[in-house]
Amino acid sequence: MTRGKRCDTWSYSLIPTTKPGQFTVENKGSRADKEDMQVIETDYIKFSLMLSLRQTSSQTITRVSLLGRNWRLSHQMIDKFICLTRTQNLTKNNFIFPDVTDWLPDPKLC
């Protein structure tokens, strides 16, 4: 994940459930909250639209992710992302798109 001009990395395992495209997240060596992930849509080449629900002791945290293999995603993919956020009762105040104008990651960082 890019944060400014640096890349943060982490790893976890996705454990398949009995339903295709659904996974339980396993954070090795961590006592992280229970998290379930679902692949909502993907073309396996350009993008993946993901939904993550993490249950803490007091609330459910919803994360909708649009993952792309390059920095520019089509308006159609972004529209699908926005539609999914709305089905999760999120508003445009709940999500951000990073500004990547004139920004190229340093290959040494990622």
PDB file of N, CA and C in Angstrom:
ATOM      1  N   MET A   1       0.846  -1.161   0.000  1.00  0.00           N
ATOM      2  CA  MET A   1       0.000   0.000   0.000  1.00  0.00           C
ATOM      3  C   MET A   1       0.895   1.228   0.000  1.00  0.00           C
ATOM      4  N   THR A   2       0.576   2.180  -0.819  1.00  0.00           N
ATOM      5  CA  THR A   2       1.357   3.408  -0.839  1.00  0.00           C
ATOM      6  C   THR A   2       0.795   4.377   0.191  1.00  0.00           C
ATOM      7  N   ARG A   3       1.691   5.008   0.892  1.00  0.00           N
ATOM      8  CA  ARG A   3       1.347   6.059   1.849  1.00  0.00           C
ATOM      9  C   ARG A   3       2.304   7.200   1.564  1.00  0.00           C
ATOM     10  N   GLY A   4       1.785   8.185   0.852  1.00  0.00           N
ATOM     11  CA  GLY A   4       2.676   9.245   0.400  1.00  0.00           C
ATOM     12  C   GLY A   4       3.595   8.663  -0.654  1.00  0.00           C
ATOM     13  N   LYS A   5       4.884   8.870  -0.461  1.00  0.00           N
ATOM     14  CA  LYS A   5       5.851   8.333  -1.422  1.00  0.00           C
ATOM     15  C   LYS A   5       6.565   7.105  -0.883  1.00  0.00           C
ATOM     16  N   ARG A   6       5.986   6.447   0.106  1.00  0.00           N
ATOM     17  CA  ARG A   6       6.579   5.210   0.606  1.00  0.00           C
ATOM     18  C   ARG A   6       5.561   4.080   0.481  1.00  0.00           C
ATOM     19  N   CYS A   7       6.050   2.870   0.490  1.00  0.00           N
ATOM     20  CA  CYS A   7       5.191   1.692   0.404  1.00  0.00           C
ATOM     21  C   CYS A   7       5.230   0.934   1.723  1.00  0.00           C
ATOM     22  N   ASP A   8       4.056   0.653   2.263  1.00  0.00           N
ATOM     23  CA  ASP A   8       3.951  -0.179   3.454  1.00  0.00           C
ATOM     24  C   ASP A   8       3.519  -1.568   3.006  1.00  0.00           C
ATOM     25  N   THR A   9       4.120  -2.575   3.581  1.00  0.00           N
ATOM     26  CA  THR A   9       3.750  -3.944   3.226  1.00  0.00           C
ATOM     27  C   THR A   9       3.402  -4.734   4.479  1.00  0.00           C
ATOM     28  N   TRP A  10       2.588  -5.716   4.310  1.00  0.00           N
ATOM     29  CA  TRP A  10       2.234  -6.652   5.369  1.00  0.00           C
ATOM     30  C   TRP A  10       1.786  -7.931   4.686  1.00  0.00           C
ATOM     31  N   SER A  11       1.661  -8.980   5.454  1.00  0.00           N
ATOM     32  CA  SER A  11       1.204 -10.223   4.838  1.00  0.00           C
ATOM     33  C   SER A  11       0.201 -10.911   5.740  1.00  0.00           C
ATOM     34  N   TYR A  12      -0.656 -11.654   5.124  1.00  0.00           N
ATOM     35  CA  TYR A  12      -1.637 -12.458   5.823  1.00  0.00           C
ATOM     36  C   TYR A  12      -2.050 -13.582   4.893  1.00  0.00           C
ATOM     37  N   SER A  13      -2.690 -14.561   5.427  1.00  0.00           N
ATOM     38  CA  SER A  13      -3.154 -15.698   4.628  1.00  0.00           C
ATOM     39  C   SER A  13      -4.659 -15.620   4.475  1.00  0.00           C
ATOM     40  N   LEU A  14      -5.126 -15.929   3.268  1.00  0.00           N
ATOM     41  CA  LEU A  14      -6.554 -16.031   3.020  1.00  0.00           C
ATOM     42  C   LEU A  14      -6.909 -17.514   3.020  1.00  0.00           C
ATOM     43  N   ILE A  15      -7.746 -17.913   3.941  1.00  0.00           N
ATOM     44  CA  ILE A  15      -8.153 -19.305   4.077  1.00  0.00           C
ATOM     45  C   ILE A  15      -9.502 -19.462   3.373  1.00  0.00           C
ATOM     46  N   PRO A  16      -9.569 -20.266   2.311  1.00  0.00           N
ATOM     47  CA  PRO A  16     -10.843 -20.439   1.594  1.00  0.00           C
ATOM     48  C   PRO A  16     -11.928 -21.023   2.504  1.00  0.00           C
ATOM     49  N   THR A  17     -13.144 -20.531   2.331  1.00  0.00           N
ATOM     50  CA  THR A  17     -14.289 -21.101   3.031  1.00  0.00           C
ATOM     51  C   THR A  17     -14.978 -22.066   2.078  1.00  0.00           C
ATOM     52  N   THR A  18     -16.137 -22.560   2.468  1.00  0.00           N
ATOM     53  CA  THR A  18     -16.863 -23.493   1.603  1.00  0.00           C
ATOM     54  C   THR A  18     -17.521 -22.797   0.420  1.00  0.00           C
ATOM     55  N   LYS A  19     -17.639 -21.464   0.476  1.00  0.00           N
ATOM     56  CA  LYS A  19     -18.244 -20.705  -0.618  1.00  0.00           C
ATOM     57  C   LYS A  19     -17.151 -20.151  -1.526  1.00  0.00           C
ATOM     58  N   PRO A  20     -17.258 -20.364  -2.838  1.00  0.00           N
ATOM     59  CA  PRO A  20     -16.241 -19.829  -3.765  1.00  0.00           C
ATOM     60  C   PRO A  20     -16.112 -18.309  -3.642  1.00  0.00           C
ATOM     61  N   GLY A  21     -14.877 -17.835  -3.638  1.00  0.00           N
ATOM     62  CA  GLY A  21     -14.609 -16.401  -3.574  1.00  0.00           C
ATOM     63  C   GLY A  21     -14.682 -15.805  -2.187  1.00  0.00           C
ATOM     64  N   GLN A  22     -14.906 -16.637  -1.165  1.00  0.00           N
ATOM     65  CA  GLN A  22     -14.968 -16.130   0.198  1.00  0.00           C
ATOM     66  C   GLN A  22     -13.832 -16.725   1.011  1.00  0.00           C
ATOM     67  N   PHE A  23     -13.261 -15.874   1.873  1.00  0.00           N
ATOM     68  CA  PHE A  23     -12.071 -16.253   2.625  1.00  0.00           C
ATOM     69  C   PHE A  23     -12.154 -15.726   4.052  1.00  0.00           C
ATOM     70  N   THR A  24     -11.476 -16.408   4.945  1.00  0.00           N
ATOM     71  CA  THR A  24     -11.224 -15.921   6.291  1.00  0.00           C
ATOM     72  C   THR A  24      -9.777 -15.454   6.313  1.00  0.00           C
ATOM     73  N   VAL A  25      -9.527 -14.307   6.932  1.00  0.00           N
ATOM     74  CA  VAL A  25      -8.179 -13.745   6.989  1.00  0.00           C
ATOM     75  C   VAL A  25      -7.474 -14.277   8.225  1.00  0.00           C
ATOM     76  N   GLU A  26      -6.266 -14.785   8.008  1.00  0.00           N
ATOM     77  CA  GLU A  26      -5.441 -15.250   9.120  1.00  0.00           C
ATOM     78  C   GLU A  26      -4.197 -14.385   9.189  1.00  0.00           C
ATOM     79  N   ASN A  27      -4.089 -13.640  10.270  1.00  0.00           N
ATOM     80  CA  ASN A  27      -2.909 -12.800  10.508  1.00  0.00           C
ATOM     81  C   ASN A  27      -1.963 -13.588  11.398  1.00  0.00           C
ATOM     82  N   LYS A  28      -0.938 -14.157  10.816  1.00  0.00           N
ATOM     83  CA  LYS A  28      -0.021 -15.003  11.576  1.00  0.00           C
ATOM     84  C   LYS A  28       0.708 -14.199  12.642  1.00  0.00           C
ATOM     85  N   GLY A  29       0.779 -14.793  13.841  1.00  0.00           N
ATOM     86  CA  GLY A  29       1.488 -14.153  14.935  1.00  0.00           C
ATOM     87  C   GLY A  29       0.757 -12.965  15.513  1.00  0.00           C
ATOM     88  N   SER A  30      -0.521 -12.814  15.185  1.00  0.00           N
ATOM     89  CA  SER A  30      -1.277 -11.649  15.644  1.00  0.00           C
ATOM     90  C   SER A  30      -2.592 -12.112  16.257  1.00  0.00           C
ATOM     91  N   ARG A  31      -3.058 -11.349  17.208  1.00  0.00           N
ATOM     92  CA  ARG A  31      -4.373 -11.627  17.789  1.00  0.00           C
ATOM     93  C   ARG A  31      -5.388 -10.665  17.183  1.00  0.00           C
ATOM     94  N   ALA A  32      -5.336 -10.510  15.890  1.00  0.00           N
ATOM     95  CA  ALA A  32      -6.220  -9.578  15.195  1.00  0.00           C
ATOM     96  C   ALA A  32      -7.671 -10.055  15.275  1.00  0.00           C
ATOM     97  N   ASP A  33      -8.580  -9.115  15.090  1.00  0.00           N
ATOM     98  CA  ASP A  33     -10.000  -9.423  15.087  1.00  0.00           C
ATOM     99  C   ASP A  33     -10.341 -10.340  13.913  1.00  0.00           C
ATOM    100  N   LYS A  34     -11.467 -11.047  14.037  1.00  0.00           N
ATOM    101  CA  LYS A  34     -11.934 -11.927  12.963  1.00  0.00           C
ATOM    102  C   LYS A  34     -12.279 -11.079  11.740  1.00  0.00           C
ATOM    103  N   GLU A  35     -11.810 -11.514  10.583  1.00  0.00           N
ATOM    104  CA  GLU A  35     -12.070 -10.782   9.340  1.00  0.00           C
ATOM    105  C   GLU A  35     -12.414 -11.765   8.241  1.00  0.00           C
ATOM    106  N   ASP A  36     -13.476 -11.447   7.508  1.00  0.00           N
ATOM    107  CA  ASP A  36     -13.887 -12.240   6.358  1.00  0.00           C
ATOM    108  C   ASP A  36     -13.769 -11.380   5.111  1.00  0.00           C
ATOM    109  N   MET A  37     -13.278 -11.973   4.020  1.00  0.00           N
ATOM    110  CA  MET A  37     -13.136 -11.257   2.754  1.00  0.00           C
ATOM    111  C   MET A  37     -13.889 -12.004   1.668  1.00  0.00           C
ATOM    112  N   GLN A  38     -14.412 -11.235   0.732  1.00  0.00           N
ATOM    113  CA  GLN A  38     -15.139 -11.813  -0.384  1.00  0.00           C
ATOM    114  C   GLN A  38     -14.719 -11.121  -1.673  1.00  0.00           C
ATOM    115  N   VAL A  39     -14.438 -11.918  -2.693  1.00  0.00           N
ATOM    116  CA  VAL A  39     -14.182 -11.369  -4.024  1.00  0.00           C
ATOM    117  C   VAL A  39     -15.550 -11.108  -4.641  1.00  0.00           C
ATOM    118  N   ILE A  40     -15.865  -9.848  -4.855  1.00  0.00           N
ATOM    119  CA  ILE A  40     -17.157  -9.483  -5.433  1.00  0.00           C
ATOM    120  C   ILE A  40     -17.114  -9.636  -6.945  1.00  0.00           C
ATOM    121  N   GLU A  41     -16.019  -9.171  -7.536  1.00  0.00           N
ATOM    122  CA  GLU A  41     -15.856  -9.292  -8.986  1.00  0.00           C
ATOM    123  C   GLU A  41     -14.379  -9.168  -9.333  1.00  0.00           C
ATOM    124  N   THR A  42     -13.958  -9.909 -10.335  1.00  0.00           N
ATOM    125  CA  THR A  42     -12.589  -9.805 -10.845  1.00  0.00           C
ATOM    126  C   THR A  42     -12.556 -10.293 -12.284  1.00  0.00           C
ATOM    127  N   ASP A  43     -11.606  -9.759 -13.035  1.00  0.00           N
ATOM    128  CA  ASP A  43     -11.366 -10.312 -14.370  1.00  0.00           C
ATOM    129  C   ASP A  43     -10.040 -11.070 -14.406  1.00  0.00           C
ATOM    130  N   TYR A  44      -9.386 -11.189 -13.259  1.00  0.00           N
ATOM    131  CA  TYR A  44      -8.116 -11.906 -13.067  1.00  0.00           C
ATOM    132  C   TYR A  44      -6.944 -11.270 -13.799  1.00  0.00           C
ATOM    133  N   ILE A  45      -7.168 -10.182 -14.521  1.00  0.00           N
ATOM    134  CA  ILE A  45      -6.100  -9.542 -15.289  1.00  0.00           C
ATOM    135  C   ILE A  45      -5.897  -8.093 -14.870  1.00  0.00           C
ATOM    136  N   LYS A  46      -6.992  -7.317 -14.818  1.00  0.00           N
ATOM    137  CA  LYS A  46      -6.874  -5.886 -14.572  1.00  0.00           C
ATOM    138  C   LYS A  46      -7.318  -5.447 -13.186  1.00  0.00           C
ATOM    139  N   PHE A  47      -8.340  -6.090 -12.616  1.00  0.00           N
ATOM    140  CA  PHE A  47      -8.890  -5.562 -11.370  1.00  0.00           C
ATOM    141  C   PHE A  47      -9.529  -6.651 -10.515  1.00  0.00           C
ATOM    142  N   SER A  48      -9.738  -6.284  -9.261  1.00  0.00           N
ATOM    143  CA  SER A  48     -10.484  -7.108  -8.320  1.00  0.00           C
ATOM    144  C   SER A  48     -11.236  -6.176  -7.383  1.00  0.00           C
ATOM    145  N   LEU A  49     -12.511  -6.443  -7.208  1.00  0.00           N
ATOM    146  CA  LEU A  49     -13.350  -5.686  -6.296  1.00  0.00           C
ATOM    147  C   LEU A  49     -13.607  -6.571  -5.086  1.00  0.00           C
ATOM    148  N   MET A  50     -13.172  -6.106  -3.905  1.00  0.00           N
ATOM    149  CA  MET A  50     -13.188  -6.926  -2.695  1.00  0.00           C
ATOM    150  C   MET A  50     -14.029  -6.270  -1.601  1.00  0.00           C
ATOM    151  N   LEU A  51     -14.658  -7.122  -0.786  1.00  0.00           N
ATOM    152  CA  LEU A  51     -15.400  -6.668   0.380  1.00  0.00           C
ATOM    153  C   LEU A  51     -14.828  -7.378   1.600  1.00  0.00           C
ATOM    154  N   SER A  52     -14.503  -6.611   2.623  1.00  0.00           N
ATOM    155  CA  SER A  52     -13.955  -7.158   3.861  1.00  0.00           C
ATOM    156  C   SER A  52     -14.811  -6.700   5.027  1.00  0.00           C
ATOM    157  N   LEU A  53     -15.160  -7.641   5.899  1.00  0.00           N
ATOM    158  CA  LEU A  53     -15.896  -7.325   7.117  1.00  0.00           C
ATOM    159  C   LEU A  53     -15.082  -7.828   8.296  1.00  0.00           C
ATOM    160  N   ARG A  54     -14.715  -6.903   9.172  1.00  0.00           N
ATOM    161  CA  ARG A  54     -13.926  -7.260  10.358  1.00  0.00           C
ATOM    162  C   ARG A  54     -14.750  -6.963  11.597  1.00  0.00           C
ATOM    163  N   GLN A  55     -14.883  -7.970  12.436  1.00  0.00           N
ATOM    164  CA  GLN A  55     -15.671  -7.825  13.659  1.00  0.00           C
ATOM    165  C   GLN A  55     -14.750  -7.556  14.841  1.00  0.00           C
ATOM    166  N   THR A  56     -14.923  -6.391  15.472  1.00  0.00           N
ATOM    167  CA  THR A  56     -14.202  -6.087  16.707  1.00  0.00           C
ATOM    168  C   THR A  56     -15.155  -6.372  17.863  1.00  0.00           C
ATOM    169  N   SER A  57     -14.719  -6.114  19.051  1.00  0.00           N
ATOM    170  CA  SER A  57     -15.580  -6.358  20.208  1.00  0.00           C
ATOM    171  C   SER A  57     -16.780  -5.416  20.238  1.00  0.00           C
ATOM    172  N   SER A  58     -16.684  -4.271  19.551  1.00  0.00           N
ATOM    173  CA  SER A  58     -17.760  -3.288  19.647  1.00  0.00           C
ATOM    174  C   SER A  58     -18.410  -2.887  18.319  1.00  0.00           C
ATOM    175  N   GLN A  59     -17.812  -3.281  17.188  1.00  0.00           N
ATOM    176  CA  GLN A  59     -18.370  -2.840  15.908  1.00  0.00           C
ATOM    177  C   GLN A  59     -17.899  -3.721  14.757  1.00  0.00           C
ATOM    178  N   THR A  60     -18.594  -3.578  13.628  1.00  0.00           N
ATOM    179  CA  THR A  60     -18.163  -4.227  12.396  1.00  0.00           C
ATOM    180  C   THR A  60     -17.528  -3.166  11.511  1.00  0.00           C
ATOM    181  N   ILE A  61     -16.337  -3.450  11.043  1.00  0.00           N
ATOM    182  CA  ILE A  61     -15.622  -2.528  10.164  1.00  0.00           C
ATOM    183  C   ILE A  61     -15.737  -3.053   8.741  1.00  0.00           C
ATOM    184  N   THR A  62     -16.263  -2.225   7.853  1.00  0.00           N
ATOM    185  CA  THR A  62     -16.471  -2.591   6.460  1.00  0.00           C
ATOM    186  C   THR A  62     -15.401  -1.931   5.614  1.00  0.00           C
ATOM    187  N   ARG A  63     -14.756  -2.716   4.766  1.00  0.00           N
ATOM    188  CA  ARG A  63     -13.756  -2.166   3.840  1.00  0.00           C
ATOM    189  C   ARG A  63     -14.090  -2.673   2.442  1.00  0.00           C
ATOM    190  N   VAL A  64     -14.226  -1.757   1.516  1.00  0.00           N
ATOM    191  CA  VAL A  64     -14.417  -2.079   0.107  1.00  0.00           C
ATOM    192  C   VAL A  64     -13.147  -1.667  -0.612  1.00  0.00           C
ATOM    193  N   SER A  65     -12.555  -2.593  -1.343  1.00  0.00           N
ATOM    194  CA  SER A  65     -11.281  -2.311  -2.026  1.00  0.00           C
ATOM    195  C   SER A  65     -11.414  -2.571  -3.509  1.00  0.00           C
ATOM    196  N   LEU A  66     -10.903  -1.645  -4.283  1.00  0.00           N
ATOM    197  CA  LEU A  66     -10.780  -1.823  -5.723  1.00  0.00           C
ATOM    198  C   LEU A  66      -9.296  -1.934  -6.011  1.00  0.00           C
ATOM    199  N   LEU A  67      -8.856  -3.137  -6.334  1.00  0.00           N
ATOM    200  CA  LEU A  67      -7.444  -3.407  -6.563  1.00  0.00           C
ATOM    201  C   LEU A  67      -7.178  -3.461  -8.058  1.00  0.00           C
ATOM    202  N   GLY A  68      -6.134  -2.775  -8.493  1.00  0.00           N
ATOM    203  CA  GLY A  68      -5.798  -2.758  -9.906  1.00  0.00           C
ATOM    204  C   GLY A  68      -4.341  -3.103 -10.145  1.00  0.00           C
ATOM    205  N   ARG A  69      -4.057  -3.605 -11.311  1.00  0.00           N
ATOM    206  CA  ARG A  69      -2.675  -3.954 -11.658  1.00  0.00           C
ATOM    207  C   ARG A  69      -1.894  -2.759 -12.182  1.00  0.00           C
ATOM    208  N   ASN A  70      -2.575  -1.664 -12.478  1.00  0.00           N
ATOM    209  CA  ASN A  70      -1.871  -0.434 -12.838  1.00  0.00           C
ATOM    210  C   ASN A  70      -2.602   0.736 -12.203  1.00  0.00           C
ATOM    211  N   TRP A  71      -2.039   1.912 -12.327  1.00  0.00           N
ATOM    212  CA  TRP A  71      -2.541   3.082 -11.612  1.00  0.00           C
ATOM    213  C   TRP A  71      -3.834   3.634 -12.182  1.00  0.00           C
ATOM    214  N   ARG A  72      -4.117   3.358 -13.431  1.00  0.00           N
ATOM    215  CA  ARG A  72      -5.319   3.917 -14.049  1.00  0.00           C
ATOM    216  C   ARG A  72      -6.379   2.824 -14.180  1.00  0.00           C
ATOM    217  N   LEU A  73      -7.537   3.093 -13.573  1.00  0.00           N
ATOM    218  CA  LEU A  73      -8.653   2.168 -13.640  1.00  0.00           C
ATOM    219  C   LEU A  73      -9.773   2.817 -14.447  1.00  0.00           C
ATOM    220  N   SER A  74     -10.509   2.009 -15.172  1.00  0.00           N
ATOM    221  CA  SER A  74     -11.572   2.547 -16.015  1.00  0.00           C
ATOM    222  C   SER A  74     -12.698   3.123 -15.151  1.00  0.00           C
ATOM    223  N   HIS A  75     -13.460   4.025 -15.758  1.00  0.00           N
ATOM    224  CA  HIS A  75     -14.608   4.603 -15.054  1.00  0.00           C
ATOM    225  C   HIS A  75     -15.623   3.520 -14.715  1.00  0.00           C
ATOM    226  N   GLN A  76     -15.736   2.502 -15.555  1.00  0.00           N
ATOM    227  CA  GLN A  76     -16.654   1.402 -15.296  1.00  0.00           C
ATOM    228  C   GLN A  76     -16.282   0.672 -13.999  1.00  0.00           C
ATOM    229  N   MET A  77     -14.991   0.432 -13.793  1.00  0.00           N
ATOM    230  CA  MET A  77     -14.557  -0.227 -12.561  1.00  0.00           C
ATOM    231  C   MET A  77     -14.810   0.655 -11.343  1.00  0.00           C
ATOM    232  N   ILE A  78     -14.540   1.941 -11.479  1.00  0.00           N
ATOM    233  CA  ILE A  78     -14.769   2.873 -10.377  1.00  0.00           C
ATOM    234  C   ILE A  78     -16.261   2.958 -10.057  1.00  0.00           C
ATOM    235  N   ASP A  79     -17.111   2.939 -11.090  1.00  0.00           N
ATOM    236  CA  ASP A  79     -18.556   2.954 -10.865  1.00  0.00           C
ATOM    237  C   ASP A  79     -19.008   1.711 -10.093  1.00  0.00           C
ATOM    238  N   LYS A  80     -18.442   0.553 -10.408  1.00  0.00           N
ATOM    239  CA  LYS A  80     -18.778  -0.677  -9.681  1.00  0.00           C
ATOM    240  C   LYS A  80     -18.360  -0.566  -8.217  1.00  0.00           C
ATOM    241  N   PHE A  81     -17.199   0.042  -7.989  1.00  0.00           N
ATOM    242  CA  PHE A  81     -16.721   0.278  -6.627  1.00  0.00           C
ATOM    243  C   PHE A  81     -17.716   1.153  -5.861  1.00  0.00           C
ATOM    244  N   ILE A  82     -18.131   2.244  -6.481  1.00  0.00           N
ATOM    245  CA  ILE A  82     -19.063   3.173  -5.835  1.00  0.00           C
ATOM    246  C   ILE A  82     -20.393   2.488  -5.553  1.00  0.00           C
ATOM    247  N   CYS A  83     -20.881   1.690  -6.490  1.00  0.00           N
ATOM    248  CA  CYS A  83     -22.140   0.960  -6.269  1.00  0.00           C
ATOM    249  C   CYS A  83     -22.021   0.014  -5.078  1.00  0.00           C
ATOM    250  N   LEU A  84     -20.903  -0.690  -4.966  1.00  0.00           N
ATOM    251  CA  LEU A  84     -20.717  -1.603  -3.846  1.00  0.00           C
ATOM    252  C   LEU A  84     -20.649  -0.836  -2.526  1.00  0.00           C
ATOM    253  N   THR A  85     -19.998   0.314  -2.511  1.00  0.00           N
ATOM    254  CA  THR A  85     -19.948   1.096  -1.268  1.00  0.00           C
ATOM    255  C   THR A  85     -21.350   1.515  -0.849  1.00  0.00           C
ATOM    256  N   ARG A  86     -22.186   1.839  -1.824  1.00  0.00           N
ATOM    257  CA  ARG A  86     -23.561   2.249  -1.494  1.00  0.00           C
ATOM    258  C   ARG A  86     -24.369   1.085  -0.936  1.00  0.00           C
ATOM    259  N   THR A  87     -24.154  -0.125  -1.459  1.00  0.00           N
ATOM    260  CA  THR A  87     -24.886  -1.285  -0.920  1.00  0.00           C
ATOM    261  C   THR A  87     -24.470  -1.578   0.514  1.00  0.00           C
ATOM    262  N   GLN A  88     -23.303  -1.084   0.907  1.00  0.00           N
ATOM    263  CA  GLN A  88     -22.809  -1.258   2.283  1.00  0.00           C
ATOM    264  C   GLN A  88     -23.135  -0.047   3.158  1.00  0.00           C
ATOM    265  N   ASN A  89     -24.015   0.828   2.644  1.00  0.00           N
ATOM    266  CA  ASN A  89     -24.445   2.042   3.361  1.00  0.00           C
ATOM    267  C   ASN A  89     -23.289   2.997   3.643  1.00  0.00           C
ATOM    268  N   LEU A  90     -22.320   3.013   2.761  1.00  0.00           N
ATOM    269  CA  LEU A  90     -21.219   3.971   2.857  1.00  0.00           C
ATOM    270  C   LEU A  90     -21.520   5.135   1.926  1.00  0.00           C
ATOM    271  N   THR A  91     -21.014   6.304   2.257  1.00  0.00           N
ATOM    272  CA  THR A  91     -21.191   7.481   1.406  1.00  0.00           C
ATOM    273  C   THR A  91     -19.829   7.922   0.891  1.00  0.00           C
ATOM    274  N   LYS A  92     -19.813   8.895   0.015  1.00  0.00           N
ATOM    275  CA  LYS A  92     -18.538   9.366  -0.530  1.00  0.00           C
ATOM    276  C   LYS A  92     -17.636   9.942   0.546  1.00  0.00           C
ATOM    277  N   ASN A  93     -18.187  10.283   1.695  1.00  0.00           N
ATOM    278  CA  ASN A  93     -17.370  10.750   2.816  1.00  0.00           C
ATOM    279  C   ASN A  93     -16.627   9.607   3.500  1.00  0.00           C
ATOM    280  N   ASN A  94     -16.985   8.367   3.174  1.00  0.00           N
ATOM    281  CA  ASN A  94     -16.363   7.202   3.797  1.00  0.00           C
ATOM    282  C   ASN A  94     -15.220   6.605   2.991  1.00  0.00           C
ATOM    283  N   PHE A  95     -14.975   7.108   1.779  1.00  0.00           N
ATOM    284  CA  PHE A  95     -13.884   6.524   1.006  1.00  0.00           C
ATOM    285  C   PHE A  95     -13.059   7.592   0.309  1.00  0.00           C
ATOM    286  N   ILE A  96     -11.852   7.168  -0.075  1.00  0.00           N
ATOM    287  CA  ILE A  96     -10.920   8.084  -0.732  1.00  0.00           C
ATOM    288  C   ILE A  96     -10.310   7.413  -1.954  1.00  0.00           C
ATOM    289  N   PHE A  97      -9.930   8.223  -2.883  1.00  0.00           N
ATOM    290  CA  PHE A  97      -9.125   7.796  -4.018  1.00  0.00           C
ATOM    291  C   PHE A  97      -7.804   8.545  -3.909  1.00  0.00           C
ATOM    292  N   PRO A  98      -6.687   7.849  -3.903  1.00  0.00           N
ATOM    293  CA  PRO A  98      -5.411   8.567  -3.815  1.00  0.00           C
ATOM    294  C   PRO A  98      -5.153   9.376  -5.081  1.00  0.00           C
ATOM    295  N   ASP A  99      -4.562  10.534  -4.916  1.00  0.00           N
ATOM    296  CA  ASP A  99      -4.171  11.360  -6.052  1.00  0.00           C
ATOM    297  C   ASP A  99      -2.799  10.891  -6.514  1.00  0.00           C
ATOM    298  N   VAL A 100      -2.744  10.266  -7.667  1.00  0.00           N
ATOM    299  CA  VAL A 100      -1.476   9.748  -8.178  1.00  0.00           C
ATOM    300  C   VAL A 100      -0.948  10.590  -9.334  1.00  0.00           C
ATOM    301  N   THR A 101      -1.498  11.798  -9.472  1.00  0.00           N
ATOM    302  CA  THR A 101      -1.043  12.698 -10.517  1.00  0.00           C
ATOM    303  C   THR A 101       0.451  12.978 -10.341  1.00  0.00           C
ATOM    304  N   ASP A 102       1.193  12.782 -11.397  1.00  0.00           N
ATOM    305  CA  ASP A 102       2.643  13.042 -11.388  1.00  0.00           C
ATOM    306  C   ASP A 102       3.394  12.238 -10.330  1.00  0.00           C
ATOM    307  N   TRP A 103       2.873  11.102  -9.932  1.00  0.00           N
ATOM    308  CA  TRP A 103       3.540  10.285  -8.922  1.00  0.00           C
ATOM    309  C   TRP A 103       3.853   8.925  -9.509  1.00  0.00           C
ATOM    310  N   LEU A 104       5.091   8.594  -9.535  1.00  0.00           N
ATOM    311  CA  LEU A 104       5.524   7.270  -9.946  1.00  0.00           C
ATOM    312  C   LEU A 104       6.265   6.643  -8.772  1.00  0.00           C
ATOM    313  N   PRO A 105       5.855   5.455  -8.358  1.00  0.00           N
ATOM    314  CA  PRO A 105       6.533   4.856  -7.208  1.00  0.00           C
ATOM    315  C   PRO A 105       7.978   4.540  -7.509  1.00  0.00           C
ATOM    316  N   ASP A 106       8.799   4.685  -6.510  1.00  0.00           N
ATOM    317  CA  ASP A 106      10.197   4.312  -6.619  1.00  0.00           C
ATOM    318  C   ASP A 106      10.272   2.774  -6.554  1.00  0.00           C
ATOM    319  N   PRO A 107      10.740   2.106  -7.624  1.00  0.00           N
ATOM    320  CA  PRO A 107      10.778   0.651  -7.628  1.00  0.00           C
ATOM    321  C   PRO A 107      11.587   0.063  -6.477  1.00  0.00           C
ATOM    322  N   LYS A 108      12.493   0.849  -5.893  1.00  0.00           N
ATOM    323  CA  LYS A 108      13.283   0.376  -4.770  1.00  0.00           C
ATOM    324  C   LYS A 108      12.448   0.254  -3.502  1.00  0.00           C
ATOM    325  N   LEU A 109      11.327   1.031  -3.426  1.00  0.00           N
ATOM    326  CA  LEU A 109      10.485   1.013  -2.247  1.00  0.00           C
ATOM    327  C   LEU A 109       9.483  -0.138  -2.273  1.00  0.00           C
ATOM    328  N   CYS A 110       9.025  -0.509  -3.450  1.00  0.00           N
ATOM    329  CA  CYS A 110       7.960  -1.518  -3.546  1.00  0.00           C
ATOM    330  C   CYS A 110       8.495  -2.855  -4.046  1.00  0.00           C
TER     331      CYS A 110
END
